[in-house]
């Protein structure tokens, strides 16, 4: 469409798409322009070959060029290897903050009952 809501960077190897980084813009009233890093996916047979790192670098380079003030990414707290890699790349875990979500069923219930 005319407006771009989502963005991807794609990793290719031998004319095959082997990974993506998927993200979108956000805005924080506290810090300004932000990005939400939704997911990084690399096909299992290409793990530990530097493709994930290359995708992260491309994403961070884009963020830097766009003068992004903050990047947010949700990581499952059981995914210890990804958490360690993320911290090694300069990210940090937030203490005292919980992300809350409402799914479509709860949203429908709220609208119906209010």
N, C-alpha and C. Protein backbone atom coordinates (compact mmCIF):
# COMPACT_ATOMS: atom_id res chain seq x y z
N UNK A 1 0.79 -1.18 0.00
CA UNK A 1 0.00 0.00 0.00
C UNK A 1 0.85 1.26 0.00
N UNK A 2 0.18 2.38 0.02
CA UNK A 2 0.86 3.67 -0.01
C UNK A 2 1.67 3.89 1.26
N UNK A 3 1.07 3.61 2.40
CA UNK A 3 1.78 3.75 3.66
C UNK A 3 2.37 2.41 4.06
N UNK A 4 3.59 2.44 4.55
CA UNK A 4 4.25 1.21 4.97
C UNK A 4 4.16 1.10 6.49
N UNK A 5 3.47 0.08 6.97
CA UNK A 5 3.30 -0.13 8.39
C UNK A 5 4.35 -1.07 8.96
N UNK A 6 4.79 -2.01 8.14
CA UNK A 6 5.74 -3.02 8.58
C UNK A 6 6.95 -3.00 7.65
N UNK A 7 8.08 -3.43 8.19
CA UNK A 7 9.30 -3.47 7.41
C UNK A 7 9.99 -4.82 7.62
N UNK A 8 10.72 -5.24 6.61
CA UNK A 8 11.49 -6.48 6.67
C UNK A 8 12.88 -6.23 6.11
N UNK A 9 13.84 -6.91 6.66
CA UNK A 9 15.12 -7.09 5.99
C UNK A 9 15.24 -8.59 5.79
N UNK A 10 15.73 -8.98 4.64
CA UNK A 10 15.77 -10.39 4.26
C UNK A 10 17.23 -10.82 4.09
N UNK A 11 17.54 -12.00 4.62
CA UNK A 11 18.85 -12.61 4.40
C UNK A 11 18.71 -13.67 3.33
N UNK A 12 19.58 -13.60 2.34
CA UNK A 12 19.57 -14.59 1.27
C UNK A 12 20.93 -15.27 1.18
N UNK A 13 20.90 -16.53 0.78
CA UNK A 13 22.12 -17.30 0.58
C UNK A 13 21.86 -18.23 -0.60
N UNK A 14 22.70 -18.13 -1.63
CA UNK A 14 22.52 -18.94 -2.85
C UNK A 14 21.10 -18.80 -3.41
N UNK A 15 20.63 -17.56 -3.54
CA UNK A 15 19.31 -17.25 -4.08
C UNK A 15 18.15 -17.84 -3.28
N UNK A 16 18.38 -18.15 -2.01
CA UNK A 16 17.33 -18.67 -1.15
C UNK A 16 17.14 -17.71 0.03
N UNK A 17 15.89 -17.39 0.33
CA UNK A 17 15.61 -16.59 1.52
C UNK A 17 15.79 -17.51 2.72
N UNK A 18 16.72 -17.12 3.60
CA UNK A 18 17.01 -17.98 4.75
C UNK A 18 16.69 -17.32 6.08
N UNK A 19 16.35 -16.03 6.04
CA UNK A 19 16.02 -15.36 7.29
C UNK A 19 15.41 -13.99 7.05
N UNK A 20 14.73 -13.50 8.09
CA UNK A 20 14.14 -12.16 8.04
C UNK A 20 14.25 -11.51 9.42
N UNK A 21 14.24 -10.19 9.41
CA UNK A 21 13.98 -9.42 10.61
C UNK A 21 12.74 -8.57 10.27
N UNK A 22 11.74 -8.64 11.14
CA UNK A 22 10.44 -8.00 10.92
C UNK A 22 10.23 -6.97 12.02
N UNK A 23 9.92 -5.72 11.63
CA UNK A 23 9.78 -4.65 12.62
C UNK A 23 8.80 -3.59 12.13
N UNK A 24 8.44 -2.70 13.06
CA UNK A 24 7.55 -1.60 12.71
C UNK A 24 7.82 -0.40 13.62
N UNK A 25 7.33 0.74 13.17
CA UNK A 25 7.54 2.00 13.89
C UNK A 25 6.58 2.14 15.05
N UNK A 26 7.03 2.87 16.03
CA UNK A 26 6.23 3.20 17.21
C UNK A 26 6.67 4.59 17.65
N UNK A 27 5.99 5.11 18.63
CA UNK A 27 6.39 6.41 19.18
C UNK A 27 6.21 6.37 20.68
N UNK A 28 7.19 6.83 21.39
CA UNK A 28 7.12 6.90 22.84
C UNK A 28 7.04 8.37 23.26
N UNK A 29 6.08 8.68 24.11
CA UNK A 29 6.00 10.05 24.62
C UNK A 29 7.17 10.35 25.55
N UNK A 30 7.85 9.32 26.03
CA UNK A 30 9.00 9.52 26.91
C UNK A 30 10.29 9.78 26.14
N UNK A 31 10.50 9.07 25.03
CA UNK A 31 11.79 9.18 24.33
C UNK A 31 11.70 9.56 22.86
N UNK A 32 10.54 9.42 22.24
CA UNK A 32 10.42 9.80 20.84
C UNK A 32 10.30 8.60 19.90
N UNK A 33 10.90 8.74 18.71
CA UNK A 33 10.78 7.72 17.68
C UNK A 33 11.33 6.38 18.16
N UNK A 34 10.52 5.35 17.95
CA UNK A 34 10.88 4.02 18.43
C UNK A 34 10.58 2.98 17.36
N UNK A 35 11.19 1.83 17.52
CA UNK A 35 10.90 0.68 16.68
C UNK A 35 10.56 -0.50 17.56
N UNK A 36 9.66 -1.33 17.08
CA UNK A 36 9.34 -2.59 17.72
C UNK A 36 9.96 -3.68 16.85
N UNK A 37 10.90 -4.41 17.41
CA UNK A 37 11.51 -5.55 16.71
C UNK A 37 10.62 -6.75 17.01
N UNK A 38 9.81 -7.13 16.04
CA UNK A 38 8.82 -8.19 16.25
C UNK A 38 9.46 -9.57 16.25
N UNK A 39 10.29 -9.84 15.26
CA UNK A 39 10.90 -11.17 15.22
C UNK A 39 12.12 -11.20 14.32
N UNK A 40 13.00 -12.11 14.63
CA UNK A 40 14.13 -12.45 13.78
C UNK A 40 14.02 -13.96 13.56
N UNK A 41 13.97 -14.35 12.31
CA UNK A 41 13.86 -15.77 11.98
C UNK A 41 14.98 -16.14 11.02
N UNK A 42 15.69 -17.20 11.35
CA UNK A 42 16.69 -17.77 10.45
C UNK A 42 16.41 -19.27 10.38
N UNK A 43 16.39 -19.82 9.17
CA UNK A 43 16.15 -21.26 9.01
C UNK A 43 17.15 -22.04 9.84
N UNK A 44 16.69 -23.10 10.51
CA UNK A 44 17.55 -23.86 11.43
C UNK A 44 18.89 -24.31 10.83
N UNK A 45 18.92 -24.72 9.58
CA UNK A 45 20.19 -25.21 9.03
C UNK A 45 21.23 -24.09 8.86
N UNK A 46 20.80 -22.83 9.00
CA UNK A 46 21.71 -21.70 8.89
C UNK A 46 22.02 -21.04 10.24
N UNK A 47 21.56 -21.67 11.32
CA UNK A 47 21.89 -21.15 12.66
C UNK A 47 23.39 -21.21 12.89
N UNK A 48 23.89 -20.30 13.70
CA UNK A 48 25.30 -20.24 14.08
C UNK A 48 26.25 -20.05 12.90
N UNK A 49 25.77 -19.39 11.87
CA UNK A 49 26.61 -19.09 10.71
C UNK A 49 26.73 -17.58 10.46
N UNK A 50 26.23 -16.78 11.41
CA UNK A 50 26.37 -15.33 11.32
C UNK A 50 25.23 -14.60 10.66
N UNK A 51 24.21 -15.30 10.18
CA UNK A 51 23.11 -14.64 9.50
C UNK A 51 22.23 -13.84 10.46
N UNK A 52 21.97 -14.39 11.63
CA UNK A 52 21.18 -13.65 12.63
C UNK A 52 21.90 -12.35 13.00
N UNK A 53 23.19 -12.44 13.22
CA UNK A 53 23.98 -11.26 13.57
C UNK A 53 23.95 -10.23 12.44
N UNK A 54 24.02 -10.69 11.20
CA UNK A 54 23.97 -9.78 10.05
C UNK A 54 22.61 -9.08 9.96
N UNK A 55 21.54 -9.82 10.22
CA UNK A 55 20.21 -9.21 10.22
C UNK A 55 20.08 -8.16 11.33
N UNK A 56 20.58 -8.49 12.51
CA UNK A 56 20.53 -7.54 13.62
C UNK A 56 21.33 -6.29 13.27
N UNK A 57 22.52 -6.48 12.69
CA UNK A 57 23.34 -5.34 12.32
C UNK A 57 22.59 -4.44 11.33
N UNK A 58 21.99 -5.04 10.31
CA UNK A 58 21.25 -4.25 9.31
C UNK A 58 20.10 -3.48 9.97
N UNK A 59 19.40 -4.15 10.87
CA UNK A 59 18.30 -3.51 11.59
C UNK A 59 18.81 -2.35 12.45
N UNK A 60 19.88 -2.58 13.21
CA UNK A 60 20.44 -1.52 14.05
C UNK A 60 20.97 -0.37 13.20
N UNK A 61 21.57 -0.67 12.07
CA UNK A 61 22.06 0.37 11.17
C UNK A 61 20.90 1.24 10.68
N UNK A 62 19.80 0.59 10.30
CA UNK A 62 18.60 1.32 9.87
C UNK A 62 18.10 2.22 11.00
N UNK A 63 18.01 1.66 12.20
CA UNK A 63 17.54 2.42 13.36
C UNK A 63 18.43 3.64 13.61
N UNK A 64 19.72 3.44 13.52
CA UNK A 64 20.67 4.53 13.75
C UNK A 64 20.49 5.63 12.69
N UNK A 65 20.35 5.23 11.44
CA UNK A 65 20.18 6.20 10.36
C UNK A 65 18.86 6.96 10.47
N UNK A 66 17.84 6.33 11.02
CA UNK A 66 16.54 6.96 11.20
C UNK A 66 16.45 7.77 12.50
N UNK A 67 17.55 7.82 13.24
CA UNK A 67 17.61 8.54 14.52
C UNK A 67 16.56 8.02 15.51
N UNK A 68 16.44 6.70 15.55
CA UNK A 68 15.51 6.03 16.46
C UNK A 68 16.04 6.16 17.89
N UNK A 69 15.17 6.47 18.82
CA UNK A 69 15.56 6.68 20.21
C UNK A 69 15.48 5.42 21.06
N UNK A 70 14.64 4.46 20.63
CA UNK A 70 14.50 3.25 21.42
C UNK A 70 14.01 2.11 20.54
N UNK A 71 14.52 0.93 20.82
CA UNK A 71 14.06 -0.30 20.18
C UNK A 71 13.53 -1.21 21.27
N UNK A 72 12.36 -1.78 21.04
CA UNK A 72 11.76 -2.70 21.99
C UNK A 72 11.60 -4.06 21.31
N UNK A 73 11.93 -5.10 22.06
CA UNK A 73 11.76 -6.46 21.56
C UNK A 73 11.28 -7.34 22.71
N UNK A 74 10.29 -8.16 22.45
CA UNK A 74 9.83 -9.13 23.45
C UNK A 74 10.57 -10.44 23.20
N UNK A 75 11.14 -10.99 24.26
CA UNK A 75 11.84 -12.27 24.18
C UNK A 75 11.27 -13.17 25.27
N UNK A 76 10.94 -14.39 24.91
CA UNK A 76 10.44 -15.36 25.88
C UNK A 76 11.48 -15.56 26.97
N UNK A 77 11.07 -15.47 28.23
CA UNK A 77 12.04 -15.57 29.33
C UNK A 77 12.67 -16.95 29.46
N UNK A 78 12.17 -17.93 28.73
CA UNK A 78 12.78 -19.26 28.73
C UNK A 78 13.84 -19.40 27.64
N UNK A 79 13.93 -18.42 26.74
CA UNK A 79 14.89 -18.49 25.63
C UNK A 79 16.23 -17.88 26.05
N UNK A 80 16.90 -18.56 26.96
CA UNK A 80 18.14 -18.08 27.56
C UNK A 80 19.22 -17.77 26.52
N UNK A 81 19.45 -18.63 25.50
CA UNK A 81 20.49 -18.30 24.51
C UNK A 81 20.24 -16.97 23.79
N UNK A 82 18.99 -16.70 23.43
CA UNK A 82 18.68 -15.44 22.74
C UNK A 82 18.83 -14.27 23.70
N UNK A 83 18.42 -14.44 24.95
CA UNK A 83 18.61 -13.37 25.94
C UNK A 83 20.09 -13.06 26.09
N UNK A 84 20.93 -14.07 26.21
CA UNK A 84 22.38 -13.85 26.35
C UNK A 84 22.96 -13.16 25.13
N UNK A 85 22.54 -13.59 23.93
CA UNK A 85 23.03 -12.94 22.70
C UNK A 85 22.58 -11.48 22.65
N UNK A 86 21.34 -11.23 23.05
CA UNK A 86 20.82 -9.86 23.03
C UNK A 86 21.59 -8.96 23.99
N UNK A 87 21.88 -9.47 25.18
CA UNK A 87 22.64 -8.69 26.16
C UNK A 87 24.05 -8.44 25.64
N UNK A 88 24.63 -9.43 25.01
CA UNK A 88 25.96 -9.26 24.42
C UNK A 88 25.97 -8.15 23.36
N UNK A 89 24.83 -7.97 22.68
CA UNK A 89 24.71 -6.93 21.65
C UNK A 89 24.37 -5.57 22.22
N UNK A 90 24.29 -5.45 23.55
CA UNK A 90 24.07 -4.15 24.16
C UNK A 90 22.67 -3.89 24.67
N UNK A 91 21.78 -4.85 24.53
CA UNK A 91 20.44 -4.65 25.08
C UNK A 91 20.45 -4.91 26.58
N UNK A 92 19.39 -4.56 27.24
CA UNK A 92 19.29 -4.81 28.67
C UNK A 92 17.86 -5.20 29.00
N UNK A 93 17.74 -5.96 30.07
CA UNK A 93 16.42 -6.40 30.53
C UNK A 93 15.86 -5.35 31.49
N UNK A 94 14.59 -5.08 31.36
CA UNK A 94 13.94 -4.10 32.23
C UNK A 94 13.40 -4.78 33.47
N UNK A 95 13.71 -4.22 34.61
CA UNK A 95 13.15 -4.70 35.87
C UNK A 95 11.94 -3.85 36.22
N UNK A 96 10.95 -4.47 36.83
CA UNK A 96 9.81 -3.73 37.32
C UNK A 96 8.80 -3.31 36.27
N UNK A 97 8.97 -3.81 35.05
CA UNK A 97 8.02 -3.47 33.98
C UNK A 97 7.45 -4.77 33.44
N UNK A 98 6.17 -4.80 33.32
CA UNK A 98 5.48 -5.95 32.74
C UNK A 98 4.74 -5.47 31.50
N UNK A 99 4.84 -6.22 30.44
CA UNK A 99 4.08 -5.94 29.22
C UNK A 99 2.71 -6.60 29.39
N UNK A 100 1.66 -5.86 29.15
CA UNK A 100 0.32 -6.43 29.22
C UNK A 100 -0.26 -6.47 27.81
N UNK A 101 -1.07 -7.47 27.58
CA UNK A 101 -1.71 -7.62 26.28
C UNK A 101 -3.17 -7.96 26.48
N UNK A 102 -3.95 -7.62 25.48
CA UNK A 102 -5.36 -8.03 25.46
C UNK A 102 -5.58 -8.71 24.12
N UNK A 103 -6.13 -9.91 24.15
CA UNK A 103 -6.37 -10.63 22.90
C UNK A 103 -7.75 -10.30 22.36
N UNK A 104 -8.08 -10.88 21.21
CA UNK A 104 -9.34 -10.56 20.55
C UNK A 104 -10.56 -10.98 21.37
N UNK A 105 -10.47 -12.08 22.10
CA UNK A 105 -11.59 -12.55 22.91
C UNK A 105 -11.84 -11.59 24.07
N UNK A 106 -10.79 -11.20 24.76
CA UNK A 106 -10.93 -10.26 25.87
C UNK A 106 -11.41 -8.89 25.37
N UNK A 107 -10.93 -8.49 24.20
CA UNK A 107 -11.36 -7.21 23.62
C UNK A 107 -12.86 -7.25 23.33
N UNK A 108 -13.32 -8.34 22.74
CA UNK A 108 -14.75 -8.50 22.44
C UNK A 108 -15.57 -8.47 23.73
N UNK A 109 -15.09 -9.16 24.77
CA UNK A 109 -15.78 -9.19 26.05
C UNK A 109 -15.84 -7.80 26.66
N UNK A 110 -14.74 -7.07 26.62
CA UNK A 110 -14.72 -5.72 27.15
C UNK A 110 -15.73 -4.83 26.46
N UNK A 111 -15.71 -4.84 25.13
CA UNK A 111 -16.62 -4.00 24.35
C UNK A 111 -18.08 -4.36 24.66
N UNK A 112 -18.35 -5.66 24.73
CA UNK A 112 -19.70 -6.13 24.99
C UNK A 112 -20.19 -5.72 26.38
N UNK A 113 -19.32 -5.77 27.39
CA UNK A 113 -19.70 -5.52 28.77
C UNK A 113 -19.57 -4.07 29.21
N UNK A 114 -19.04 -3.22 28.38
CA UNK A 114 -18.85 -1.83 28.79
C UNK A 114 -19.58 -0.95 27.82
